[in-house]
Amino acid sequence: ITRGGMAPAMIVARELDIRVVDTISVKSYNHQSQSEPSVIKAPDMDHIGDGTGVLVIDDLVDTGKTLEVVRQHMPKAHVATVYAKPLGRSQVDTFITEVSQDTWIFFPWDMALQYVEPFRGTD
């Protein structure tokens, strides 16, 4: 799931030697407040079908609203997250660590408190 799931998905893809990766982008947060989720970008659903054989990865399931939307598109996909909170736990097939609902997790890929120019190797 774009964007939070991209870093964990890259690691899983490397470890499993998966070369074909696609994303579904669901917007459900505006800064730190949650809103109704909406799909911004979806993979080719003619190719994906009901999600059979598809692994969906995200960094965290919080309330489960984002994954509810994803499951509407791909009901048979296997969903894995790094962290799972109790309200969203039922939407996840596999997770690494469960945390309390009130825990706020800061991921390295979301830590910049100001705009940081991308490094493009301009040396």
PDB file of N, CA and C in Angstrom:
ATOM      1  N   ILE A   1       0.861  -1.170   0.000  1.00  0.00           N
ATOM      2  CA  ILE A   1       0.000   0.000   0.000  1.00  0.00           C
ATOM      3  C   ILE A   1       0.905   1.230   0.000  1.00  0.00           C
ATOM      4  N   THR A   2       0.680   2.099  -0.974  1.00  0.00           N
ATOM      5  CA  THR A   2       1.440   3.335  -1.073  1.00  0.00           C
ATOM      6  C   THR A   2       0.955   4.267   0.036  1.00  0.00           C
ATOM      7  N   ARG A   3       1.768   4.861   0.745  1.00  0.00           N
ATOM      8  CA  ARG A   3       3.198   4.987   0.763  1.00  0.00           C
ATOM      9  C   ARG A   3       3.816   4.185   1.888  1.00  0.00           C
ATOM     10  N   GLY A   4       3.114   4.054   3.013  1.00  0.00           N
ATOM     11  CA  GLY A   4       3.708   3.404   4.175  1.00  0.00           C
ATOM     12  C   GLY A   4       4.175   1.988   3.949  1.00  0.00           C
ATOM     13  N   GLY A   5       3.506   1.258   3.074  1.00  0.00           N
ATOM     14  CA  GLY A   5       3.880  -0.130   2.840  1.00  0.00           C
ATOM     15  C   GLY A   5       5.021  -0.321   1.874  1.00  0.00           C
ATOM     16  N   MET A   6       5.471   0.757   1.236  1.00  0.00           N
ATOM     17  CA  MET A   6       6.495   0.602   0.193  1.00  0.00           C
ATOM     18  C   MET A   6       7.845   0.153   0.743  1.00  0.00           C
ATOM     19  N   ALA A   7       8.283   0.709   1.871  1.00  0.00           N
ATOM     20  CA  ALA A   7       9.576   0.301   2.432  1.00  0.00           C
ATOM     21  C   ALA A   7       9.537  -1.159   2.891  1.00  0.00           C
ATOM     22  N   PRO A   8       8.530  -1.579   3.678  1.00  0.00           N
ATOM     23  CA  PRO A   8       8.471  -2.995   4.033  1.00  0.00           C
ATOM     24  C   PRO A   8       8.291  -3.906   2.812  1.00  0.00           C
ATOM     25  N   ALA A   9       7.519  -3.465   1.814  1.00  0.00           N
ATOM     26  CA  ALA A   9       7.313  -4.277   0.608  1.00  0.00           C
ATOM     27  C   ALA A   9       8.608  -4.463  -0.164  1.00  0.00           C
ATOM     28  N   MET A  10       9.436  -3.430  -0.213  1.00  0.00           N
ATOM     29  CA  MET A  10      10.721  -3.537  -0.902  1.00  0.00           C
ATOM     30  C   MET A  10      11.591  -4.588  -0.231  1.00  0.00           C
ATOM     31  N   ILE A  11      11.602  -4.604   1.088  1.00  0.00           N
ATOM     32  CA  ILE A  11      12.410  -5.586   1.818  1.00  0.00           C
ATOM     33  C   ILE A  11      11.884  -6.996   1.567  1.00  0.00           C
ATOM     34  N   VAL A  12      10.571  -7.185   1.642  1.00  0.00           N
ATOM     35  CA  VAL A  12       9.981  -8.504   1.389  1.00  0.00           C
ATOM     36  C   VAL A  12      10.238  -8.940  -0.046  1.00  0.00           C
ATOM     37  N   ALA A  13      10.071  -8.028  -1.002  1.00  0.00           N
ATOM     38  CA  ALA A  13      10.310  -8.362  -2.415  1.00  0.00           C
ATOM     39  C   ALA A  13      11.751  -8.792  -2.639  1.00  0.00           C
ATOM     40  N   ARG A  14      12.685  -8.102  -2.004  1.00  0.00           N
ATOM     41  CA  ARG A  14      14.095  -8.476  -2.135  1.00  0.00           C
ATOM     42  C   ARG A  14      14.336  -9.865  -1.546  1.00  0.00           C
ATOM     43  N   GLU A  15      13.820 -10.111  -0.360  1.00  0.00           N
ATOM     44  CA  GLU A  15      14.058 -11.387   0.316  1.00  0.00           C
ATOM     45  C   GLU A  15      13.395 -12.559  -0.405  1.00  0.00           C
ATOM     46  N   LEU A  16      12.257 -12.319  -1.037  1.00  0.00           N
ATOM     47  CA  LEU A  16      11.545 -13.385  -1.748  1.00  0.00           C
ATOM     48  C   LEU A  16      11.851 -13.400  -3.240  1.00  0.00           C
ATOM     49  N   ASP A  17      12.756 -12.530  -3.676  1.00  0.00           N
ATOM     50  CA  ASP A  17      13.142 -12.406  -5.082  1.00  0.00           C
ATOM     51  C   ASP A  17      11.926 -12.161  -5.977  1.00  0.00           C
ATOM     52  N   ILE A  18      11.070 -11.258  -5.528  1.00  0.00           N
ATOM     53  CA  ILE A  18       9.893 -10.860  -6.304  1.00  0.00           C
ATOM     54  C   ILE A  18      10.283  -9.654  -7.143  1.00  0.00           C
ATOM     55  N   ARG A  19      10.084  -9.744  -8.449  1.00  0.00           N
ATOM     56  CA  ARG A  19      10.482  -8.667  -9.355  1.00  0.00           C
ATOM     57  C   ARG A  19       9.324  -7.784  -9.798  1.00  0.00           C
ATOM     58  N   VAL A  20       8.099  -8.271  -9.681  1.00  0.00           N
ATOM     59  CA  VAL A  20       6.937  -7.498 -10.117  1.00  0.00           C
ATOM     60  C   VAL A  20       6.208  -6.984  -8.876  1.00  0.00           C
ATOM     61  N   VAL A  21       6.201  -5.667  -8.725  1.00  0.00           N
ATOM     62  CA  VAL A  21       5.559  -5.032  -7.579  1.00  0.00           C
ATOM     63  C   VAL A  21       4.631  -3.941  -8.107  1.00  0.00           C
ATOM     64  N   ASP A  22       3.431  -3.881  -7.562  1.00  0.00           N
ATOM     65  CA  ASP A  22       2.489  -2.828  -7.920  1.00  0.00           C
ATOM     66  C   ASP A  22       1.949  -2.241  -6.628  1.00  0.00           C
ATOM     67  N   THR A  23       1.236  -1.149  -6.718  1.00  0.00           N
ATOM     68  CA  THR A  23       0.708  -0.525  -5.510  1.00  0.00           C
ATOM     69  C   THR A  23      -0.762  -0.177  -5.660  1.00  0.00           C
ATOM     70  N   ILE A  24      -1.406  -0.097  -4.523  1.00  0.00           N
ATOM     71  CA  ILE A  24      -2.715   0.528  -4.425  1.00  0.00           C
ATOM     72  C   ILE A  24      -2.517   1.688  -3.457  1.00  0.00           C
ATOM     73  N   SER A  25      -2.977   2.840  -3.844  1.00  0.00           N
ATOM     74  CA  SER A  25      -2.783   4.031  -3.022  1.00  0.00           C
ATOM     75  C   SER A  25      -4.124   4.447  -2.441  1.00  0.00           C
ATOM     76  N   VAL A  26      -4.207   4.410  -1.122  1.00  0.00           N
ATOM     77  CA  VAL A  26      -5.429   4.765  -0.416  1.00  0.00           C
ATOM     78  C   VAL A  26      -5.112   5.919   0.518  1.00  0.00           C
ATOM     79  N   LYS A  27      -5.826   7.009   0.361  1.00  0.00           N
ATOM     80  CA  LYS A  27      -5.605   8.166   1.230  1.00  0.00           C
ATOM     81  C   LYS A  27      -6.620   8.117   2.364  1.00  0.00           C
ATOM     82  N   SER A  28      -6.109   8.041   3.590  1.00  0.00           N
ATOM     83  CA  SER A  28      -7.009   8.050   4.744  1.00  0.00           C
ATOM     84  C   SER A  28      -6.516   8.974   5.846  1.00  0.00           C
ATOM     85  N   TYR A  29      -5.342   9.556   5.658  1.00  0.00           N
ATOM     86  CA  TYR A  29      -4.814  10.486   6.658  1.00  0.00           C
ATOM     87  C   TYR A  29      -4.489  11.813   6.001  1.00  0.00           C
ATOM     88  N   ASN A  30      -4.744  12.884   6.718  1.00  0.00           N
ATOM     89  CA  ASN A  30      -4.311  14.217   6.323  1.00  0.00           C
ATOM     90  C   ASN A  30      -3.459  14.709   7.484  1.00  0.00           C
ATOM     91  N   HIS A  31      -2.161  14.623   7.306  1.00  0.00           N
ATOM     92  CA  HIS A  31      -1.202  14.860   8.386  1.00  0.00           C
ATOM     93  C   HIS A  31      -1.441  13.796   9.456  1.00  0.00           C
ATOM     94  N   GLN A  32      -1.904  14.151  10.647  1.00  0.00           N
ATOM     95  CA  GLN A  32      -2.103  13.156  11.696  1.00  0.00           C
ATOM     96  C   GLN A  32      -3.574  12.900  12.008  1.00  0.00           C
ATOM     97  N   SER A  33      -4.501  13.431  11.215  1.00  0.00           N
ATOM     98  CA  SER A  33      -5.918  13.183  11.449  1.00  0.00           C
ATOM     99  C   SER A  33      -6.459  12.248  10.374  1.00  0.00           C
ATOM    100  N   GLN A  34      -7.297  11.303  10.811  1.00  0.00           N
ATOM    101  CA  GLN A  34      -7.822  10.309   9.885  1.00  0.00           C
ATOM    102  C   GLN A  34      -9.135  10.789   9.283  1.00  0.00           C
ATOM    103  N   SER A  35      -9.325  10.493   7.989  1.00  0.00           N
ATOM    104  CA  SER A  35     -10.551  10.840   7.287  1.00  0.00           C
ATOM    105  C   SER A  35     -11.061   9.586   6.582  1.00  0.00           C
ATOM    106  N   GLU A  36     -12.145   9.717   5.829  1.00  0.00           N
ATOM    107  CA  GLU A  36     -12.667   8.570   5.087  1.00  0.00           C
ATOM    108  C   GLU A  36     -11.669   8.167   4.004  1.00  0.00           C
ATOM    109  N   PRO A  37     -11.361   6.887   3.899  1.00  0.00           N
ATOM    110  CA  PRO A  37     -10.378   6.445   2.902  1.00  0.00           C
ATOM    111  C   PRO A  37     -10.938   6.490   1.485  1.00  0.00           C
ATOM    112  N   SER A  38     -10.064   6.808   0.553  1.00  0.00           N
ATOM    113  CA  SER A  38     -10.437   6.776  -0.860  1.00  0.00           C
ATOM    114  C   SER A  38      -9.245   6.285  -1.670  1.00  0.00           C
ATOM    115  N   VAL A  39      -9.529   5.503  -2.715  1.00  0.00           N
ATOM    116  CA  VAL A  39      -8.475   4.974  -3.577  1.00  0.00           C
ATOM    117  C   VAL A  39      -8.034   6.073  -4.530  1.00  0.00           C
ATOM    118  N   ILE A  40      -6.745   6.363  -4.524  1.00  0.00           N
ATOM    119  CA  ILE A  40      -6.167   7.360  -5.415  1.00  0.00           C
ATOM    120  C   ILE A  40      -5.626   6.687  -6.666  1.00  0.00           C
ATOM    121  N   LYS A  41      -5.035   5.507  -6.491  1.00  0.00           N
ATOM    122  CA  LYS A  41      -4.445   4.753  -7.599  1.00  0.00           C
ATOM    123  C   LYS A  41      -4.613   3.276  -7.298  1.00  0.00           C
ATOM    124  N   ALA A  42      -5.108   2.526  -8.258  1.00  0.00           N
ATOM    125  CA  ALA A  42      -5.280   1.078  -8.089  1.00  0.00           C
ATOM    126  C   ALA A  42      -4.482   0.342  -9.159  1.00  0.00           C
ATOM    127  N   PRO A  43      -4.059  -0.878  -8.856  1.00  0.00           N
ATOM    128  CA  PRO A  43      -3.398  -1.676  -9.892  1.00  0.00           C
ATOM    129  C   PRO A  43      -4.416  -2.091 -10.958  1.00  0.00           C
ATOM    130  N   ASP A  44      -3.940  -2.701 -12.011  1.00  0.00           N
ATOM    131  CA  ASP A  44      -4.813  -3.198 -13.077  1.00  0.00           C
ATOM    132  C   ASP A  44      -5.668  -4.332 -12.514  1.00  0.00           C
ATOM    133  N   MET A  45      -6.916  -4.027 -12.188  1.00  0.00           N
ATOM    134  CA  MET A  45      -7.776  -5.007 -11.539  1.00  0.00           C
ATOM    135  C   MET A  45      -8.153  -6.158 -12.459  1.00  0.00           C
ATOM    136  N   ASP A  46      -8.066  -5.970 -13.775  1.00  0.00           N
ATOM    137  CA  ASP A  46      -8.288  -7.094 -14.688  1.00  0.00           C
ATOM    138  C   ASP A  46      -7.209  -8.148 -14.486  1.00  0.00           C
ATOM    139  N   HIS A  47      -6.000  -7.708 -14.181  1.00  0.00           N
ATOM    140  CA  HIS A  47      -4.871  -8.615 -13.936  1.00  0.00           C
ATOM    141  C   HIS A  47      -4.909  -9.175 -12.510  1.00  0.00           C
ATOM    142  N   ILE A  48      -5.289  -8.351 -11.545  1.00  0.00           N
ATOM    143  CA  ILE A  48      -5.292  -8.732 -10.127  1.00  0.00           C
ATOM    144  C   ILE A  48      -6.475  -9.635  -9.787  1.00  0.00           C
ATOM    145  N   GLY A  49      -7.604  -9.390 -10.401  1.00  0.00           N
ATOM    146  CA  GLY A  49      -8.797 -10.186 -10.116  1.00  0.00           C
ATOM    147  C   GLY A  49      -9.269 -10.001  -8.687  1.00  0.00           C
ATOM    148  N   ASP A  50      -9.584 -11.116  -8.011  1.00  0.00           N
ATOM    149  CA  ASP A  50     -10.078 -11.044  -6.633  1.00  0.00           C
ATOM    150  C   ASP A  50      -8.956 -10.999  -5.601  1.00  0.00           C
ATOM    151  N   GLY A  51      -7.709 -10.966  -6.081  1.00  0.00           N
ATOM    152  CA  GLY A  51      -6.573 -10.887  -5.172  1.00  0.00           C
ATOM    153  C   GLY A  51      -5.928 -12.220  -4.857  1.00  0.00           C
ATOM    154  N   THR A  52      -6.427 -13.294  -5.443  1.00  0.00           N
ATOM    155  CA  THR A  52      -5.818 -14.605  -5.218  1.00  0.00           C
ATOM    156  C   THR A  52      -4.350 -14.568  -5.626  1.00  0.00           C
ATOM    157  N   GLY A  53      -3.471 -14.971  -4.716  1.00  0.00           N
ATOM    158  CA  GLY A  53      -2.041 -14.974  -4.996  1.00  0.00           C
ATOM    159  C   GLY A  53      -1.363 -13.631  -4.816  1.00  0.00           C
ATOM    160  N   VAL A  54      -2.101 -12.620  -4.342  1.00  0.00           N
ATOM    161  CA  VAL A  54      -1.550 -11.275  -4.165  1.00  0.00           C
ATOM    162  C   VAL A  54      -1.200 -11.063  -2.690  1.00  0.00           C
ATOM    163  N   LEU A  55      -0.018 -10.524  -2.449  1.00  0.00           N
ATOM    164  CA  LEU A  55       0.412 -10.151  -1.103  1.00  0.00           C
ATOM    165  C   LEU A  55       0.333  -8.636  -0.982  1.00  0.00           C
ATOM    166  N   VAL A  56      -0.474  -8.152  -0.062  1.00  0.00           N
ATOM    167  CA  VAL A  56      -0.618  -6.722   0.196  1.00  0.00           C
ATOM    168  C   VAL A  56       0.148  -6.412   1.482  1.00  0.00           C
ATOM    169  N   ILE A  57       1.041  -5.420   1.412  1.00  0.00           N
ATOM    170  CA  ILE A  57       1.875  -5.079   2.567  1.00  0.00           C
ATOM    171  C   ILE A  57       1.660  -3.618   2.944  1.00  0.00           C
ATOM    172  N   ASP A  58       1.521  -3.385   4.240  1.00  0.00           N
ATOM    173  CA  ASP A  58       1.469  -2.023   4.765  1.00  0.00           C
ATOM    174  C   ASP A  58       2.310  -1.975   6.033  1.00  0.00           C
ATOM    175  N   ASP A  59       2.687  -0.773   6.434  1.00  0.00           N
ATOM    176  CA  ASP A  59       3.500  -0.661   7.641  1.00  0.00           C
ATOM    177  C   ASP A  59       2.671  -0.879   8.900  1.00  0.00           C
ATOM    178  N   LEU A  60       1.393  -0.492   8.861  1.00  0.00           N
ATOM    179  CA  LEU A  60       0.577  -0.479  10.064  1.00  0.00           C
ATOM    180  C   LEU A  60      -0.896  -0.577   9.714  1.00  0.00           C
ATOM    181  N   VAL A  61      -1.647  -1.329  10.496  1.00  0.00           N
ATOM    182  CA  VAL A  61      -3.102  -1.233  10.439  1.00  0.00           C
ATOM    183  C   VAL A  61      -3.531  -0.567  11.736  1.00  0.00           C
ATOM    184  N   ASP A  62      -4.296   0.514  11.603  1.00  0.00           N
ATOM    185  CA  ASP A  62      -4.744   1.281  12.766  1.00  0.00           C
ATOM    186  C   ASP A  62      -6.214   0.948  13.030  1.00  0.00           C
ATOM    187  N   THR A  63      -7.122   1.639  12.377  1.00  0.00           N
ATOM    188  CA  THR A  63      -8.551   1.350  12.548  1.00  0.00           C
ATOM    189  C   THR A  63      -9.032   0.266  11.592  1.00  0.00           C
ATOM    190  N   GLY A  64      -8.256  -0.003  10.547  1.00  0.00           N
ATOM    191  CA  GLY A  64      -8.641  -0.991   9.547  1.00  0.00           C
ATOM    192  C   GLY A  64      -9.396  -0.414   8.374  1.00  0.00           C
ATOM    193  N   LYS A  65      -9.690   0.890   8.393  1.00  0.00           N
ATOM    194  CA  LYS A  65     -10.477   1.494   7.314  1.00  0.00           C
ATOM    195  C   LYS A  65      -9.769   1.414   5.964  1.00  0.00           C
ATOM    196  N   THR A  66      -8.466   1.653   5.942  1.00  0.00           N
ATOM    197  CA  THR A  66      -7.721   1.552   4.681  1.00  0.00           C
ATOM    198  C   THR A  66      -7.801   0.131   4.136  1.00  0.00           C
ATOM    199  N   LEU A  67      -7.581  -0.850   5.002  1.00  0.00           N
ATOM    200  CA  LEU A  67      -7.603  -2.240   4.539  1.00  0.00           C
ATOM    201  C   LEU A  67      -9.003  -2.707   4.164  1.00  0.00           C
ATOM    202  N   GLU A  68     -10.040  -2.133   4.758  1.00  0.00           N
ATOM    203  CA  GLU A  68     -11.404  -2.453   4.327  1.00  0.00           C
ATOM    204  C   GLU A  68     -11.576  -2.090   2.860  1.00  0.00           C
ATOM    205  N   VAL A  69     -11.071  -0.923   2.471  1.00  0.00           N
ATOM    206  CA  VAL A  69     -11.158  -0.481   1.078  1.00  0.00           C
ATOM    207  C   VAL A  69     -10.351  -1.417   0.180  1.00  0.00           C
ATOM    208  N   VAL A  70      -9.155  -1.778   0.607  1.00  0.00           N
ATOM    209  CA  VAL A  70      -8.316  -2.688  -0.177  1.00  0.00           C
ATOM    210  C   VAL A  70      -9.010  -4.038  -0.324  1.00  0.00           C
ATOM    211  N   ARG A  71      -9.594  -4.548   0.740  1.00  0.00           N
ATOM    212  CA  ARG A  71     -10.281  -5.850   0.683  1.00  0.00           C
ATOM    213  C   ARG A  71     -11.524  -5.806  -0.205  1.00  0.00           C
ATOM    214  N   GLN A  72     -12.141  -4.645  -0.351  1.00  0.00           N
ATOM    215  CA  GLN A  72     -13.258  -4.532  -1.291  1.00  0.00           C
ATOM    216  C   GLN A  72     -12.773  -4.780  -2.714  1.00  0.00           C
ATOM    217  N   HIS A  73     -11.554  -4.327  -3.020  1.00  0.00           N
ATOM    218  CA  HIS A  73     -10.977  -4.518  -4.349  1.00  0.00           C
ATOM    219  C   HIS A  73     -10.364  -5.903  -4.518  1.00  0.00           C
ATOM    220  N   MET A  74      -9.750  -6.425  -3.452  1.00  0.00           N
ATOM    221  CA  MET A  74      -9.023  -7.699  -3.516  1.00  0.00           C
ATOM    222  C   MET A  74      -9.372  -8.564  -2.305  1.00  0.00           C
ATOM    223  N   PRO A  75     -10.568  -9.131  -2.263  1.00  0.00           N
ATOM    224  CA  PRO A  75     -11.003  -9.854  -1.060  1.00  0.00           C
ATOM    225  C   PRO A  75     -10.168 -11.087  -0.724  1.00  0.00           C
ATOM    226  N   LYS A  76      -9.503 -11.683  -1.695  1.00  0.00           N
ATOM    227  CA  LYS A  76      -8.730 -12.904  -1.423  1.00  0.00           C
ATOM    228  C   LYS A  76      -7.232 -12.658  -1.285  1.00  0.00           C
ATOM    229  N   ALA A  77      -6.815 -11.402  -1.281  1.00  0.00           N
ATOM    230  CA  ALA A  77      -5.393 -11.089  -1.101  1.00  0.00           C
ATOM    231  C   ALA A  77      -4.977 -11.417   0.329  1.00  0.00           C
ATOM    232  N   HIS A  78      -3.701 -11.746   0.498  1.00  0.00           N
ATOM    233  CA  HIS A  78      -3.126 -11.960   1.826  1.00  0.00           C
ATOM    234  C   HIS A  78      -2.560 -10.620   2.281  1.00  0.00           C
ATOM    235  N   VAL A  79      -3.015 -10.134   3.432  1.00  0.00           N
ATOM    236  CA  VAL A  79      -2.602  -8.824   3.932  1.00  0.00           C
ATOM    237  C   VAL A  79      -1.622  -9.009   5.087  1.00  0.00           C
ATOM    238  N   ALA A  80      -0.466  -8.347   4.973  1.00  0.00           N
ATOM    239  CA  ALA A  80       0.561  -8.403   6.013  1.00  0.00           C
ATOM    240  C   ALA A  80       0.952  -6.987   6.412  1.00  0.00           C
ATOM    241  N   THR A  81       1.146  -6.785   7.706  1.00  0.00           N
ATOM    242  CA  THR A  81       1.605  -5.492   8.204  1.00  0.00           C
ATOM    243  C   THR A  81       2.745  -5.706   9.194  1.00  0.00           C
ATOM    244  N   VAL A  82       3.516  -4.666   9.389  1.00  0.00           N
ATOM    245  CA  VAL A  82       4.564  -4.718  10.402  1.00  0.00           C
ATOM    246  C   VAL A  82       3.916  -4.615  11.784  1.00  0.00           C
ATOM    247  N   TYR A  83       3.037  -3.631  11.967  1.00  0.00           N
ATOM    248  CA  TYR A  83       2.349  -3.418  13.238  1.00  0.00           C
ATOM    249  C   TYR A  83       0.848  -3.544  13.044  1.00  0.00           C
ATOM    250  N   ALA A  84       0.157  -4.024  14.086  1.00  0.00           N
ATOM    251  CA  ALA A  84      -1.302  -4.111  14.071  1.00  0.00           C
ATOM    252  C   ALA A  84      -1.843  -3.560  15.383  1.00  0.00           C
ATOM    253  N   LYS A  85      -2.854  -2.704  15.260  1.00  0.00           N
ATOM    254  CA  LYS A  85      -3.560  -2.194  16.431  1.00  0.00           C
ATOM    255  C   LYS A  85      -4.879  -2.953  16.559  1.00  0.00           C
ATOM    256  N   PRO A  86      -5.435  -3.054  17.761  1.00  0.00           N
ATOM    257  CA  PRO A  86      -6.617  -3.883  17.990  1.00  0.00           C
ATOM    258  C   PRO A  86      -7.812  -3.593  17.084  1.00  0.00           C
ATOM    259  N   LEU A  87      -8.124  -2.322  16.806  1.00  0.00           N
ATOM    260  CA  LEU A  87      -9.301  -2.015  15.982  1.00  0.00           C
ATOM    261  C   LEU A  87      -9.177  -2.534  14.554  1.00  0.00           C
ATOM    262  N   GLY A  88      -7.967  -2.616  14.027  1.00  0.00           N
ATOM    263  CA  GLY A  88      -7.777  -3.062  12.652  1.00  0.00           C
ATOM    264  C   GLY A  88      -7.280  -4.480  12.513  1.00  0.00           C
ATOM    265  N   ARG A  89      -7.014  -5.123  13.627  1.00  0.00           N
ATOM    266  CA  ARG A  89      -6.402  -6.460  13.630  1.00  0.00           C
ATOM    267  C   ARG A  89      -7.157  -7.469  12.769  1.00  0.00           C
ATOM    268  N   SER A  90      -8.479  -7.401  12.734  1.00  0.00           N
ATOM    269  CA  SER A  90      -9.278  -8.377  11.977  1.00  0.00           C
ATOM    270  C   SER A  90      -9.076  -8.269  10.470  1.00  0.00           C
ATOM    271  N   GLN A  91      -8.534  -7.156   9.990  1.00  0.00           N
ATOM    272  CA  GLN A  91      -8.306  -6.964   8.553  1.00  0.00           C
ATOM    273  C   GLN A  91      -6.978  -7.558   8.088  1.00  0.00           C
ATOM    274  N   VAL A  92      -6.133  -8.013   9.027  1.00  0.00           N
ATOM    275  CA  VAL A  92      -4.775  -8.449   8.706  1.00  0.00           C
ATOM    276  C   VAL A  92      -4.658  -9.962   8.843  1.00  0.00           C
ATOM    277  N   ASP A  93      -4.008 -10.588   7.861  1.00  0.00           N
ATOM    278  CA  ASP A  93      -3.746 -12.028   7.930  1.00  0.00           C
ATOM    279  C   ASP A  93      -2.461 -12.325   8.692  1.00  0.00           C
ATOM    280  N   THR A  94      -1.442 -11.489   8.497  1.00  0.00           N
ATOM    281  CA  THR A  94      -0.135 -11.686   9.119  1.00  0.00           C
ATOM    282  C   THR A  94       0.388 -10.339   9.599  1.00  0.00           C
ATOM    283  N   PHE A  95       0.920 -10.310  10.814  1.00  0.00           N
ATOM    284  CA  PHE A  95       1.567  -9.098  11.315  1.00  0.00           C
ATOM    285  C   PHE A  95       2.745  -9.514  12.185  1.00  0.00           C
ATOM    286  N   ILE A  96       3.647  -8.573  12.430  1.00  0.00           N
ATOM    287  CA  ILE A  96       4.823  -8.876  13.241  1.00  0.00           C
ATOM    288  C   ILE A  96       4.582  -8.535  14.706  1.00  0.00           C
ATOM    289  N   THR A  97       4.070  -7.336  14.981  1.00  0.00           N
ATOM    290  CA  THR A  97       3.916  -6.882  16.362  1.00  0.00           C
ATOM    291  C   THR A  97       2.570  -6.202  16.556  1.00  0.00           C
ATOM    292  N   GLU A  98       1.866  -6.577  17.622  1.00  0.00           N
ATOM    293  CA  GLU A  98       0.633  -5.875  17.973  1.00  0.00           C
ATOM    294  C   GLU A  98       0.971  -4.796  18.994  1.00  0.00           C
ATOM    295  N   VAL A  99       0.387  -3.623  18.808  1.00  0.00           N
ATOM    296  CA  VAL A  99       0.590  -2.503  19.726  1.00  0.00           C
ATOM    297  C   VAL A  99      -0.775  -1.986  20.167  1.00  0.00           C
ATOM    298  N   SER A 100      -0.795  -1.223  21.254  1.00  0.00           N
ATOM    299  CA  SER A 100      -2.054  -0.676  21.757  1.00  0.00           C
ATOM    300  C   SER A 100      -2.619   0.352  20.780  1.00  0.00           C
ATOM    301  N   GLN A 101      -3.917   0.567  20.862  1.00  0.00           N
ATOM    302  CA  GLN A 101      -4.588   1.471  19.937  1.00  0.00           C
ATOM    303  C   GLN A 101      -4.073   2.901  20.056  1.00  0.00           C
ATOM    304  N   ASP A 102      -3.639   3.302  21.243  1.00  0.00           N
ATOM    305  CA  ASP A 102      -3.189   4.682  21.437  1.00  0.00           C
ATOM    306  C   ASP A 102      -1.704   4.895  21.141  1.00  0.00           C
ATOM    307  N   THR A 103      -1.012   3.874  20.669  1.00  0.00           N
ATOM    308  CA  THR A 103       0.411   4.006  20.334  1.00  0.00           C
ATOM    309  C   THR A 103       0.571   4.714  18.996  1.00  0.00           C
ATOM    310  N   TRP A 104       1.400   5.760  18.957  1.00  0.00           N
ATOM    311  CA  TRP A 104       1.734   6.430  17.700  1.00  0.00           C
ATOM    312  C   TRP A 104       3.122   5.973  17.304  1.00  0.00           C
ATOM    313  N   ILE A 105       3.247   5.420  16.120  1.00  0.00           N
ATOM    314  CA  ILE A 105       4.520   4.868  15.663  1.00  0.00           C
ATOM    315  C   ILE A 105       5.144   5.821  14.654  1.00  0.00           C
ATOM    316  N   PHE A 106       6.395   6.163  14.883  1.00  0.00           N
ATOM    317  CA  PHE A 106       7.148   7.002  13.958  1.00  0.00           C
ATOM    318  C   PHE A 106       8.051   6.101  13.132  1.00  0.00           C
ATOM    319  N   PHE A 107       7.787   6.031  11.831  1.00  0.00           N
ATOM    320  CA  PHE A 107       8.595   5.215  10.930  1.00  0.00           C
ATOM    321  C   PHE A 107       9.708   6.063  10.338  1.00  0.00           C
ATOM    322  N   PRO A 108      10.859   5.463  10.065  1.00  0.00           N
ATOM    323  CA  PRO A 108      11.974   6.235   9.499  1.00  0.00           C
ATOM    324  C   PRO A 108      11.603   6.939   8.200  1.00  0.00           C
ATOM    325  N   TRP A 109      10.728   6.341   7.405  1.00  0.00           N
ATOM    326  CA  TRP A 109      10.356   6.932   6.117  1.00  0.00           C
ATOM    327  C   TRP A 109       9.337   8.059   6.273  1.00  0.00           C
ATOM    328  N   ASP A 110       8.861   8.330   7.468  1.00  0.00           N
ATOM    329  CA  ASP A 110       7.916   9.421   7.711  1.00  0.00           C
ATOM    330  C   ASP A 110       8.441  10.446   8.710  1.00  0.00           C
ATOM    331  N   MET A 111       9.725  10.470   8.967  1.00  0.00           N
ATOM    332  CA  MET A 111      10.263  11.248  10.075  1.00  0.00           C
ATOM    333  C   MET A 111      10.606  12.700   9.767  1.00  0.00           C
ATOM    334  N   ALA A 112      10.749  13.093   8.529  1.00  0.00           N
ATOM    335  CA  ALA A 112      11.174  14.464   8.238  1.00  0.00           C
ATOM    336  C   ALA A 112      10.113  15.451   8.719  1.00  0.00           C
ATOM    337  N   LEU A 113      10.520  16.394   9.531  1.00  0.00           N
ATOM    338  CA  LEU A 113       9.598  17.406  10.038  1.00  0.00           C
ATOM    339  C   LEU A 113       9.550  18.624   9.133  1.00  0.00           C
ATOM    340  N   GLN A 114      10.363  18.611   8.104  1.00  0.00           N
ATOM    341  CA  GLN A 114      10.391  19.690   7.125  1.00  0.00           C
ATOM    342  C   GLN A 114      10.740  19.079   5.775  1.00  0.00           C
ATOM    343  N   TYR A 115      10.540  19.863   4.722  1.00  0.00           N
ATOM    344  CA  TYR A 115      10.860  19.360   3.394  1.00  0.00           C
ATOM    345  C   TYR A 115      12.358  19.097   3.282  1.00  0.00           C
ATOM    346  N   VAL A 116      12.687  17.934   2.751  1.00  0.00           N
ATOM    347  CA  VAL A 116      14.081  17.557   2.545  1.00  0.00           C
ATOM    348  C   VAL A 116      14.256  17.247   1.065  1.00  0.00           C
ATOM    349  N   GLU A 117      15.190  17.907   0.415  1.00  0.00           N
ATOM    350  CA  GLU A 117      15.469  17.652  -1.002  1.00  0.00           C
ATOM    351  C   GLU A 117      15.835  16.189  -1.205  1.00  0.00           C
ATOM    352  N   PRO A 118      15.257  15.524  -2.210  1.00  0.00           N
ATOM    353  CA  PRO A 118      15.662  14.152  -2.500  1.00  0.00           C
ATOM    354  C   PRO A 118      17.126  14.108  -2.918  1.00  0.00           C
ATOM    355  N   PHE A 119      17.826  13.071  -2.477  1.00  0.00           N
ATOM    356  CA  PHE A 119      19.208  12.878  -2.894  1.00  0.00           C
ATOM    357  C   PHE A 119      19.183  12.178  -4.239  1.00  0.00           C
ATOM    358  N   ARG A 120      19.774  12.783  -5.237  1.00  0.00           N
ATOM    359  CA  ARG A 120      19.756  12.205  -6.576  1.00  0.00           C
ATOM    360  C   ARG A 120      21.158  11.942  -7.086  1.00  0.00           C
ATOM    361  N   GLY A 121      22.139  11.941  -6.198  1.00  0.00           N
ATOM    362  CA  GLY A 121      23.502  11.666  -6.625  1.00  0.00           C
ATOM    363  C   GLY A 121      24.036  12.720  -7.566  1.00  0.00           C
ATOM    364  N   THR A 122      23.907  13.974  -7.211  1.00  0.00           N
ATOM    365  CA  THR A 122      24.300  15.069  -8.102  1.00  0.00           C
ATOM    366  C   THR A 122      25.777  15.423  -8.012  1.00  0.00           C
ATOM    367  N   ASP A 123      26.581  14.611  -7.313  1.00  0.00           N
ATOM    368  CA  ASP A 123      28.025  14.915  -7.196  1.00  0.00           C
ATOM    369  C   ASP A 123      28.667  14.941  -8.561  1.00  0.00           C
TER     370      ASP A 123
END
